[in-house]
Amino acid sequence: MHTVIFITCAHKKEAENIAKALIKNKLAACVNIVDKINSLFWWQGKVDCAQEVLLIIKSKRTKLNKIIKLVKSRHSYQVPEIIALPIIGGYKPYLNWINDSCR
């Protein structure tokens, strides 16, 4: 099946590096880069905040482990956000395009 994966990055250069690697290695059909998001989160027992860049990745569920491995090797965070949500439906030609792009 298909999946949407969210990953936050420390800055745009890191996000672009990860996005290009995912596309080049056919681990993702599309990666959206959303710059300048404000994040609030718990870290090391206190509330923290950061300006981050969000990656929205469209891929296949079977690629998730390879995506995690690639992201961890290129990411600056000790514990990067990598969460995957199932795509339960969508426009069939688009879903087929994801399949073709991730081969």
PDB file of N, CA and C in Angstrom:
ATOM      1  N   MET A   1       0.813  -1.183   0.000  1.00  0.00           N
ATOM      2  CA  MET A   1       0.000   0.000   0.000  1.00  0.00           C
ATOM      3  C   MET A   1       0.863   1.256   0.000  1.00  0.00           C
ATOM      4  N   HIS A   2       0.198   2.373  -0.035  1.00  0.00           N
ATOM      5  CA  HIS A   2       0.864   3.673  -0.111  1.00  0.00           C
ATOM      6  C   HIS A   2       0.915   4.331   1.253  1.00  0.00           C
ATOM      7  N   THR A   3       1.860   5.276   1.404  1.00  0.00           N
ATOM      8  CA  THR A   3       2.036   5.953   2.674  1.00  0.00           C
ATOM      9  C   THR A   3       2.449   7.402   2.464  1.00  0.00           C
ATOM     10  N   VAL A   4       2.100   8.240   3.427  1.00  0.00           N
ATOM     11  CA  VAL A   4       2.607   9.607   3.517  1.00  0.00           C
ATOM     12  C   VAL A   4       3.492   9.644   4.759  1.00  0.00           C
ATOM     13  N   ILE A   5       4.692  10.175   4.605  1.00  0.00           N
ATOM     14  CA  ILE A   5       5.659  10.199   5.697  1.00  0.00           C
ATOM     15  C   ILE A   5       6.010  11.655   5.994  1.00  0.00           C
ATOM     16  N   PHE A   6       5.998  12.000   7.275  1.00  0.00           N
ATOM     17  CA  PHE A   6       6.373  13.336   7.722  1.00  0.00           C
ATOM     18  C   PHE A   6       7.736  13.275   8.396  1.00  0.00           C
ATOM     19  N   ILE A   7       8.607  14.181   7.999  1.00  0.00           N
ATOM     20  CA  ILE A   7       9.932  14.295   8.607  1.00  0.00           C
ATOM     21  C   ILE A   7      10.218  15.780   8.799  1.00  0.00           C
ATOM     22  N   THR A   8      10.611  16.172  10.010  1.00  0.00           N
ATOM     23  CA  THR A   8      11.040  17.552  10.220  1.00  0.00           C
ATOM     24  C   THR A   8      12.562  17.606  10.186  1.00  0.00           C
ATOM     25  N   CYS A   9      13.075  18.704   9.647  1.00  0.00           N
ATOM     26  CA  CYS A   9      14.516  18.909   9.510  1.00  0.00           C
ATOM     27  C   CYS A   9      14.905  20.236  10.141  1.00  0.00           C
ATOM     28  N   ALA A  10      16.178  20.358  10.479  1.00  0.00           N
ATOM     29  CA  ALA A  10      16.674  21.553  11.151  1.00  0.00           C
ATOM     30  C   ALA A  10      16.727  22.771  10.234  1.00  0.00           C
ATOM     31  N   HIS A  11      16.984  22.543   8.946  1.00  0.00           N
ATOM     32  CA  HIS A  11      17.102  23.663   8.011  1.00  0.00           C
ATOM     33  C   HIS A  11      16.859  23.177   6.582  1.00  0.00           C
ATOM     34  N   LYS A  12      16.697  24.133   5.677  1.00  0.00           N
ATOM     35  CA  LYS A  12      16.309  23.831   4.301  1.00  0.00           C
ATOM     36  C   LYS A  12      17.361  22.996   3.567  1.00  0.00           C
ATOM     37  N   LYS A  13      18.628  23.272   3.793  1.00  0.00           N
ATOM     38  CA  LYS A  13      19.685  22.507   3.112  1.00  0.00           C
ATOM     39  C   LYS A  13      19.607  21.023   3.483  1.00  0.00           C
ATOM     40  N   GLU A  14      19.394  20.740   4.758  1.00  0.00           N
ATOM     41  CA  GLU A  14      19.258  19.352   5.208  1.00  0.00           C
ATOM     42  C   GLU A  14      18.023  18.708   4.571  1.00  0.00           C
ATOM     43  N   ALA A  15      16.919  19.437   4.548  1.00  0.00           N
ATOM     44  CA  ALA A  15      15.682  18.919   3.958  1.00  0.00           C
ATOM     45  C   ALA A  15      15.867  18.618   2.467  1.00  0.00           C
ATOM     46  N   GLU A  16      16.502  19.525   1.748  1.00  0.00           N
ATOM     47  CA  GLU A  16      16.732  19.318   0.316  1.00  0.00           C
ATOM     48  C   GLU A  16      17.655  18.136   0.066  1.00  0.00           C
ATOM     49  N   ASN A  17      18.675  17.975   0.886  1.00  0.00           N
ATOM     50  CA  ASN A  17      19.603  16.854   0.760  1.00  0.00           C
ATOM     51  C   ASN A  17      18.860  15.526   0.930  1.00  0.00           C
ATOM     52  N   ILE A  18      18.036  15.441   1.949  1.00  0.00           N
ATOM     53  CA  ILE A  18      17.270  14.224   2.202  1.00  0.00           C
ATOM     54  C   ILE A  18      16.260  13.983   1.086  1.00  0.00           C
ATOM     55  N   ALA A  19      15.543  15.027   0.681  1.00  0.00           N
ATOM     56  CA  ALA A  19      14.535  14.891  -0.379  1.00  0.00           C
ATOM     57  C   ALA A  19      15.157  14.393  -1.681  1.00  0.00           C
ATOM     58  N   LYS A  20      16.269  14.976  -2.078  1.00  0.00           N
ATOM     59  CA  LYS A  20      16.937  14.572  -3.323  1.00  0.00           C
ATOM     60  C   LYS A  20      17.399  13.118  -3.251  1.00  0.00           C
ATOM     61  N   ALA A  21      17.925  12.718  -2.112  1.00  0.00           N
ATOM     62  CA  ALA A  21      18.380  11.328  -1.951  1.00  0.00           C
ATOM     63  C   ALA A  21      17.203  10.360  -2.029  1.00  0.00           C
ATOM     64  N   LEU A  22      16.069  10.715  -1.433  1.00  0.00           N
ATOM     65  CA  LEU A  22      14.885   9.849  -1.482  1.00  0.00           C
ATOM     66  C   LEU A  22      14.395   9.680  -2.918  1.00  0.00           C
ATOM     67  N   ILE A  23      14.358  10.770  -3.669  1.00  0.00           N
ATOM     68  CA  ILE A  23      13.904  10.710  -5.059  1.00  0.00           C
ATOM     69  C   ILE A  23      14.910   9.943  -5.915  1.00  0.00           C
ATOM     70  N   LYS A  24      16.185  10.289  -5.786  1.00  0.00           N
ATOM     71  CA  LYS A  24      17.239   9.650  -6.585  1.00  0.00           C
ATOM     72  C   LYS A  24      17.267   8.132  -6.393  1.00  0.00           C
ATOM     73  N   ASN A  25      17.034   7.691  -5.160  1.00  0.00           N
ATOM     74  CA  ASN A  25      17.063   6.259  -4.843  1.00  0.00           C
ATOM     75  C   ASN A  25      15.713   5.574  -5.040  1.00  0.00           C
ATOM     76  N   LYS A  26      14.755   6.292  -5.633  1.00  0.00           N
ATOM     77  CA  LYS A  26      13.419   5.764  -5.911  1.00  0.00           C
ATOM     78  C   LYS A  26      12.707   5.253  -4.660  1.00  0.00           C
ATOM     79  N   LEU A  27      12.975   5.922  -3.545  1.00  0.00           N
ATOM     80  CA  LEU A  27      12.291   5.588  -2.297  1.00  0.00           C
ATOM     81  C   LEU A  27      11.029   6.420  -2.134  1.00  0.00           C
ATOM     82  N   ALA A  28      10.903   7.473  -2.917  1.00  0.00           N
ATOM     83  CA  ALA A  28       9.731   8.344  -2.864  1.00  0.00           C
ATOM     84  C   ALA A  28       9.362   8.777  -4.275  1.00  0.00           C
ATOM     85  N   ALA A  29       8.060   8.946  -4.485  1.00  0.00           N
ATOM     86  CA  ALA A  29       7.579   9.465  -5.769  1.00  0.00           C
ATOM     87  C   ALA A  29       7.613  10.984  -5.757  1.00  0.00           C
ATOM     88  N   CYS A  30       7.361  11.580  -4.582  1.00  0.00           N
ATOM     89  CA  CYS A  30       7.285  13.027  -4.462  1.00  0.00           C
ATOM     90  C   CYS A  30       7.642  13.420  -3.029  1.00  0.00           C
ATOM     91  N   VAL A  31       8.363  14.521  -2.896  1.00  0.00           N
ATOM     92  CA  VAL A  31       8.661  15.069  -1.580  1.00  0.00           C
ATOM     93  C   VAL A  31       8.346  16.563  -1.621  1.00  0.00           C
ATOM     94  N   ASN A  32       7.411  16.989  -0.784  1.00  0.00           N
ATOM     95  CA  ASN A  32       7.124  18.414  -0.625  1.00  0.00           C
ATOM     96  C   ASN A  32       7.994  18.945   0.501  1.00  0.00           C
ATOM     97  N   ILE A  33       8.547  20.139   0.288  1.00  0.00           N
ATOM     98  CA  ILE A  33       9.368  20.790   1.301  1.00  0.00           C
ATOM     99  C   ILE A  33       8.620  22.042   1.764  1.00  0.00           C
ATOM    100  N   VAL A  34       8.218  22.037   3.033  1.00  0.00           N
ATOM    101  CA  VAL A  34       7.479  23.156   3.609  1.00  0.00           C
ATOM    102  C   VAL A  34       8.428  23.882   4.564  1.00  0.00           C
ATOM    103  N   ASP A  35       8.845  25.064   4.165  1.00  0.00           N
ATOM    104  CA  ASP A  35       9.851  25.818   4.911  1.00  0.00           C
ATOM    105  C   ASP A  35       9.214  26.627   6.045  1.00  0.00           C
ATOM    106  N   LYS A  36      10.002  26.870   7.051  1.00  0.00           N
ATOM    107  CA  LYS A  36       9.675  27.786   8.151  1.00  0.00           C
ATOM    108  C   LYS A  36       8.401  27.421   8.907  1.00  0.00           C
ATOM    109  N   ILE A  37       8.367  26.203   9.423  1.00  0.00           N
ATOM    110  CA  ILE A  37       7.283  25.842  10.323  1.00  0.00           C
ATOM    111  C   ILE A  37       7.766  26.044  11.755  1.00  0.00           C
ATOM    112  N   ASN A  38       6.872  26.412  12.632  1.00  0.00           N
ATOM    113  CA  ASN A  38       7.221  26.580  14.042  1.00  0.00           C
ATOM    114  C   ASN A  38       6.744  25.360  14.803  1.00  0.00           C
ATOM    115  N   SER A  39       7.667  24.715  15.490  1.00  0.00           N
ATOM    116  CA  SER A  39       7.351  23.493  16.231  1.00  0.00           C
ATOM    117  C   SER A  39       7.547  23.712  17.722  1.00  0.00           C
ATOM    118  N   LEU A  40       6.589  23.220  18.500  1.00  0.00           N
ATOM    119  CA  LEU A  40       6.684  23.177  19.958  1.00  0.00           C
ATOM    120  C   LEU A  40       6.660  21.717  20.355  1.00  0.00           C
ATOM    121  N   PHE A  41       7.544  21.316  21.282  1.00  0.00           N
ATOM    122  CA  PHE A  41       7.665  19.904  21.614  1.00  0.00           C
ATOM    123  C   PHE A  41       8.342  19.716  22.970  1.00  0.00           C
ATOM    124  N   TRP A  42       8.132  18.523  23.520  1.00  0.00           N
ATOM    125  CA  TRP A  42       8.846  18.134  24.738  1.00  0.00           C
ATOM    126  C   TRP A  42      10.209  17.595  24.337  1.00  0.00           C
ATOM    127  N   TRP A  43      11.268  18.068  24.985  1.00  0.00           N
ATOM    128  CA  TRP A  43      12.601  17.522  24.736  1.00  0.00           C
ATOM    129  C   TRP A  43      13.401  17.621  26.023  1.00  0.00           C
ATOM    130  N   GLN A  44      13.909  16.500  26.455  1.00  0.00           N
ATOM    131  CA  GLN A  44      14.730  16.381  27.652  1.00  0.00           C
ATOM    132  C   GLN A  44      14.053  17.010  28.874  1.00  0.00           C
ATOM    133  N   GLY A  45      12.757  16.672  29.035  1.00  0.00           N
ATOM    134  CA  GLY A  45      12.008  17.057  30.220  1.00  0.00           C
ATOM    135  C   GLY A  45      11.452  18.464  30.247  1.00  0.00           C
ATOM    136  N   LYS A  46      11.582  19.208  29.155  1.00  0.00           N
ATOM    137  CA  LYS A  46      11.018  20.560  29.144  1.00  0.00           C
ATOM    138  C   LYS A  46      10.450  20.882  27.764  1.00  0.00           C
ATOM    139  N   VAL A  47       9.615  21.910  27.732  1.00  0.00           N
ATOM    140  CA  VAL A  47       9.034  22.358  26.474  1.00  0.00           C
ATOM    141  C   VAL A  47      10.093  23.151  25.714  1.00  0.00           C
ATOM    142  N   ASP A  48      10.245  22.809  24.440  1.00  0.00           N
ATOM    143  CA  ASP A  48      11.217  23.482  23.581  1.00  0.00           C
ATOM    144  C   ASP A  48      10.485  23.949  22.324  1.00  0.00           C
ATOM    145  N   CYS A  49      11.134  24.774  21.549  1.00  0.00           N
ATOM    146  CA  CYS A  49      10.558  25.211  20.282  1.00  0.00           C
ATOM    147  C   CYS A  49      11.680  25.385  19.266  1.00  0.00           C
ATOM    148  N   ALA A  50      11.314  25.280  17.997  1.00  0.00           N
ATOM    149  CA  ALA A  50      12.303  25.437  16.928  1.00  0.00           C
ATOM    150  C   ALA A  50      11.589  25.803  15.638  1.00  0.00           C
ATOM    151  N   GLN A  51      12.297  26.521  14.799  1.00  0.00           N
ATOM    152  CA  GLN A  51      11.816  26.735  13.441  1.00  0.00           C
ATOM    153  C   GLN A  51      12.420  25.607  12.608  1.00  0.00           C
ATOM    154  N   GLU A  52      11.569  24.864  11.907  1.00  0.00           N
ATOM    155  CA  GLU A  52      12.010  23.679  11.173  1.00  0.00           C
ATOM    156  C   GLU A  52      11.492  23.706   9.741  1.00  0.00           C
ATOM    157  N   VAL A  53      11.897  22.696   9.005  1.00  0.00           N
ATOM    158  CA  VAL A  53      11.425  22.476   7.640  1.00  0.00           C
ATOM    159  C   VAL A  53      10.766  21.099   7.627  1.00  0.00           C
ATOM    160  N   LEU A  54       9.567  21.024   7.051  1.00  0.00           N
ATOM    161  CA  LEU A  54       8.812  19.781   7.031  1.00  0.00           C
ATOM    162  C   LEU A  54       8.890  19.126   5.656  1.00  0.00           C
ATOM    163  N   LEU A  55       9.220  17.848   5.633  1.00  0.00           N
ATOM    164  CA  LEU A  55       9.137  17.044   4.415  1.00  0.00           C
ATOM    165  C   LEU A  55       7.846  16.246   4.461  1.00  0.00           C
ATOM    166  N   ILE A  56       7.107  16.263   3.365  1.00  0.00           N
ATOM    167  CA  ILE A  56       5.908  15.440   3.199  1.00  0.00           C
ATOM    168  C   ILE A  56       6.219  14.509   2.029  1.00  0.00           C
ATOM    169  N   ILE A  57       6.342  13.233   2.328  1.00  0.00           N
ATOM    170  CA  ILE A  57       6.836  12.248   1.366  1.00  0.00           C
ATOM    171  C   ILE A  57       5.713  11.303   0.971  1.00  0.00           C
ATOM    172  N   LYS A  58       5.550  11.088  -0.331  1.00  0.00           N
ATOM    173  CA  LYS A  58       4.592  10.104  -0.829  1.00  0.00           C
ATOM    174  C   LYS A  58       5.380   8.912  -1.346  1.00  0.00           C
ATOM    175  N   SER A  59       5.049   7.739  -0.816  1.00  0.00           N
ATOM    176  CA  SER A  59       5.817   6.549  -1.151  1.00  0.00           C
ATOM    177  C   SER A  59       4.961   5.299  -0.983  1.00  0.00           C
ATOM    178  N   LYS A  60       5.658   4.167  -1.011  1.00  0.00           N
ATOM    179  CA  LYS A  60       5.029   2.868  -0.774  1.00  0.00           C
ATOM    180  C   LYS A  60       5.449   2.371   0.604  1.00  0.00           C
ATOM    181  N   ARG A  61       4.532   1.696   1.261  1.00  0.00           N
ATOM    182  CA  ARG A  61       4.807   1.190   2.608  1.00  0.00           C
ATOM    183  C   ARG A  61       6.033   0.275   2.648  1.00  0.00           C
ATOM    184  N   THR A  62       6.252  -0.463   1.571  1.00  0.00           N
ATOM    185  CA  THR A  62       7.387  -1.394   1.508  1.00  0.00           C
ATOM    186  C   THR A  62       8.733  -0.673   1.507  1.00  0.00           C
ATOM    187  N   LYS A  63       8.743   0.616   1.267  1.00  0.00           N
ATOM    188  CA  LYS A  63       9.988   1.392   1.227  1.00  0.00           C
ATOM    189  C   LYS A  63      10.332   2.024   2.581  1.00  0.00           C
ATOM    190  N   LEU A  64       9.445   1.907   3.560  1.00  0.00           N
ATOM    191  CA  LEU A  64       9.595   2.640   4.815  1.00  0.00           C
ATOM    192  C   LEU A  64      10.912   2.345   5.538  1.00  0.00           C
ATOM    193  N   ASN A  65      11.296   1.104   5.684  1.00  0.00           N
ATOM    194  CA  ASN A  65      12.542   0.780   6.401  1.00  0.00           C
ATOM    195  C   ASN A  65      13.758   1.384   5.713  1.00  0.00           C
ATOM    196  N   LYS A  66      13.792   1.364   4.394  1.00  0.00           N
ATOM    197  CA  LYS A  66      14.908   1.977   3.663  1.00  0.00           C
ATOM    198  C   LYS A  66      14.886   3.493   3.796  1.00  0.00           C
ATOM    199  N   ILE A  67      13.698   4.069   3.829  1.00  0.00           N
ATOM    200  CA  ILE A  67      13.576   5.521   4.029  1.00  0.00           C
ATOM    201  C   ILE A  67      14.125   5.899   5.403  1.00  0.00           C
ATOM    202  N   ILE A  68      13.731   5.164   6.426  1.00  0.00           N
ATOM    203  CA  ILE A  68      14.216   5.445   7.785  1.00  0.00           C
ATOM    204  C   ILE A  68      15.736   5.350   7.839  1.00  0.00           C
ATOM    205  N   LYS A  69      16.293   4.325   7.243  1.00  0.00           N
ATOM    206  CA  LYS A  69      17.749   4.140   7.249  1.00  0.00           C
ATOM    207  C   LYS A  69      18.451   5.303   6.550  1.00  0.00           C
ATOM    208  N   LEU A  70      17.951   5.709   5.391  1.00  0.00           N
ATOM    209  CA  LEU A  70      18.550   6.817   4.657  1.00  0.00           C
ATOM    210  C   LEU A  70      18.449   8.112   5.455  1.00  0.00           C
ATOM    211  N   VAL A  71      17.283   8.391   6.009  1.00  0.00           N
ATOM    212  CA  VAL A  71      17.090   9.629   6.759  1.00  0.00           C
ATOM    213  C   VAL A  71      18.017   9.667   7.975  1.00  0.00           C
ATOM    214  N   LYS A  72      18.094   8.594   8.723  1.00  0.00           N
ATOM    215  CA  LYS A  72      18.952   8.565   9.910  1.00  0.00           C
ATOM    216  C   LYS A  72      20.412   8.806   9.554  1.00  0.00           C
ATOM    217  N   SER A  73      20.850   8.354   8.377  1.00  0.00           N
ATOM    218  CA  SER A  73      22.251   8.533   7.981  1.00  0.00           C
ATOM    219  C   SER A  73      22.569   9.971   7.569  1.00  0.00           C
ATOM    220  N   ARG A  74      21.532  10.785   7.270  1.00  0.00           N
ATOM    221  CA  ARG A  74      21.744  12.148   6.773  1.00  0.00           C
ATOM    222  C   ARG A  74      21.185  13.234   7.686  1.00  0.00           C
ATOM    223  N   HIS A  75      20.523  12.843   8.749  1.00  0.00           N
ATOM    224  CA  HIS A  75      19.795  13.795   9.587  1.00  0.00           C
ATOM    225  C   HIS A  75      20.651  14.262  10.760  1.00  0.00           C
ATOM    226  N   SER A  76      20.493  15.525  11.127  1.00  0.00           N
ATOM    227  CA  SER A  76      21.293  16.099  12.216  1.00  0.00           C
ATOM    228  C   SER A  76      20.707  15.848  13.606  1.00  0.00           C
ATOM    229  N   TYR A  77      19.439  15.490  13.700  1.00  0.00           N
ATOM    230  CA  TYR A  77      18.809  15.305  15.010  1.00  0.00           C
ATOM    231  C   TYR A  77      19.186  13.961  15.613  1.00  0.00           C
ATOM    232  N   GLN A  78      19.273  13.947  16.940  1.00  0.00           N
ATOM    233  CA  GLN A  78      19.514  12.713  17.676  1.00  0.00           C
ATOM    234  C   GLN A  78      18.326  11.755  17.505  1.00  0.00           C
ATOM    235  N   VAL A  79      17.113  12.315  17.540  1.00  0.00           N
ATOM    236  CA  VAL A  79      15.885  11.534  17.374  1.00  0.00           C
ATOM    237  C   VAL A  79      15.012  12.239  16.328  1.00  0.00           C
ATOM    238  N   PRO A  80      15.268  11.977  15.050  1.00  0.00           N
ATOM    239  CA  PRO A  80      14.468  12.661  14.024  1.00  0.00           C
ATOM    240  C   PRO A  80      13.023  12.167  14.004  1.00  0.00           C
ATOM    241  N   GLU A  81      12.124  13.104  13.706  1.00  0.00           N
ATOM    242  CA  GLU A  81      10.718  12.740  13.508  1.00  0.00           C
ATOM    243  C   GLU A  81      10.603  12.039  12.160  1.00  0.00           C
ATOM    244  N   ILE A  82      10.183  10.802  12.183  1.00  0.00           N
ATOM    245  CA  ILE A  82       9.892  10.046  10.961  1.00  0.00           C
ATOM    246  C   ILE A  82       8.615   9.275  11.259  1.00  0.00           C
ATOM    247  N   ILE A  83       7.478   9.778  10.787  1.00  0.00           N
ATOM    248  CA  ILE A  83       6.217   9.093  11.041  1.00  0.00           C
ATOM    249  C   ILE A  83       5.506   8.831   9.716  1.00  0.00           C
ATOM    250  N   ALA A  84       4.916   7.667   9.618  1.00  0.00           N
ATOM    251  CA  ALA A  84       4.244   7.258   8.391  1.00  0.00           C
ATOM    252  C   ALA A  84       2.761   7.027   8.654  1.00  0.00           C
ATOM    253  N   LEU A  85       1.947   7.535   7.744  1.00  0.00           N
ATOM    254  CA  LEU A  85       0.502   7.364   7.816  1.00  0.00           C
ATOM    255  C   LEU A  85       0.046   6.628   6.559  1.00  0.00           C
ATOM    256  N   PRO A  86      -0.887   5.696   6.709  1.00  0.00           N
ATOM    257  CA  PRO A  86      -1.358   4.988   5.514  1.00  0.00           C
ATOM    258  C   PRO A  86      -2.226   5.888   4.645  1.00  0.00           C
ATOM    259  N   ILE A  87      -2.113   5.722   3.361  1.00  0.00           N
ATOM    260  CA  ILE A  87      -3.032   6.357   2.422  1.00  0.00           C
ATOM    261  C   ILE A  87      -4.155   5.349   2.200  1.00  0.00           C
ATOM    262  N   ILE A  88      -5.343   5.658   2.659  1.00  0.00           N
ATOM    263  CA  ILE A  88      -6.442   4.687   2.583  1.00  0.00           C
ATOM    264  C   ILE A  88      -7.211   4.764   1.273  1.00  0.00           C
ATOM    265  N   GLY A  89      -6.903   5.761   0.462  1.00  0.00           N
ATOM    266  CA  GLY A  89      -7.557   5.905  -0.831  1.00  0.00           C
ATOM    267  C   GLY A  89      -7.028   7.118  -1.542  1.00  0.00           C
ATOM    268  N   GLY A  90      -7.467   7.290  -2.774  1.00  0.00           N
ATOM    269  CA  GLY A  90      -7.028   8.444  -3.543  1.00  0.00           C
ATOM    270  C   GLY A  90      -7.331   8.259  -5.020  1.00  0.00           C
ATOM    271  N   TYR A  91      -6.907   9.222  -5.780  1.00  0.00           N
ATOM    272  CA  TYR A  91      -7.095   9.206  -7.230  1.00  0.00           C
ATOM    273  C   TYR A  91      -6.218   8.103  -7.820  1.00  0.00           C
ATOM    274  N   LYS A  92      -6.851   7.107  -8.414  1.00  0.00           N
ATOM    275  CA  LYS A  92      -6.161   5.902  -8.879  1.00  0.00           C
ATOM    276  C   LYS A  92      -4.945   6.199  -9.776  1.00  0.00           C
ATOM    277  N   PRO A  93      -5.047   7.098 -10.770  1.00  0.00           N
ATOM    278  CA  PRO A  93      -3.857   7.383 -11.579  1.00  0.00           C
ATOM    279  C   PRO A  93      -2.687   7.938 -10.751  1.00  0.00           C
ATOM    280  N   TYR A  94      -2.968   8.729  -9.715  1.00  0.00           N
ATOM    281  CA  TYR A  94      -1.902   9.250  -8.860  1.00  0.00           C
ATOM    282  C   TYR A  94      -1.257   8.119  -8.061  1.00  0.00           C
ATOM    283  N   LEU A  95      -2.079   7.238  -7.509  1.00  0.00           N
ATOM    284  CA  LEU A  95      -1.548   6.107  -6.750  1.00  0.00           C
ATOM    285  C   LEU A  95      -0.723   5.188  -7.651  1.00  0.00           C
ATOM    286  N   ASN A  96      -1.163   5.008  -8.886  1.00  0.00           N
ATOM    287  CA  ASN A  96      -0.385   4.220  -9.849  1.00  0.00           C
ATOM    288  C   ASN A  96       0.949   4.902 -10.147  1.00  0.00           C
ATOM    289  N   TRP A  97       0.939   6.237 -10.238  1.00  0.00           N
ATOM    290  CA  TRP A  97       2.167   6.989 -10.462  1.00  0.00           C
ATOM    291  C   TRP A  97       3.153   6.793  -9.318  1.00  0.00           C
ATOM    292  N   ILE A  98       2.646   6.767  -8.074  1.00  0.00           N
ATOM    293  CA  ILE A  98       3.527   6.472  -6.932  1.00  0.00           C
ATOM    294  C   ILE A  98       4.185   5.113  -7.139  1.00  0.00           C
ATOM    295  N   ASN A  99       3.397   4.108  -7.489  1.00  0.00           N
ATOM    296  CA  ASN A  99       3.945   2.769  -7.713  1.00  0.00           C
ATOM    297  C   ASN A  99       5.030   2.800  -8.768  1.00  0.00           C
ATOM    298  N   ASP A 100       4.749   3.423  -9.899  1.00  0.00           N
ATOM    299  CA  ASP A 100       5.722   3.468 -11.006  1.00  0.00           C
ATOM    300  C   ASP A 100       6.989   4.225 -10.619  1.00  0.00           C
ATOM    301  N   SER A 101       6.834   5.290  -9.856  1.00  0.00           N
ATOM    302  CA  SER A 101       7.976   6.127  -9.497  1.00  0.00           C
ATOM    303  C   SER A 101       8.888   5.486  -8.463  1.00  0.00           C
ATOM    304  N   CYS A 102       8.362   4.560  -7.685  1.00  0.00           N
ATOM    305  CA  CYS A 102       9.146   3.933  -6.599  1.00  0.00           C
ATOM    306  C   CYS A 102       9.683   2.554  -6.981  1.00  0.00           C
ATOM    307  N   ARG A 103       9.743   2.272  -8.247  1.00  0.00           N
ATOM    308  CA  ARG A 103      10.281   0.967  -8.682  1.00  0.00           C
ATOM    309  C   ARG A 103      11.773   1.022  -8.850  1.00  0.00           C
TER     310      ARG A 103
END
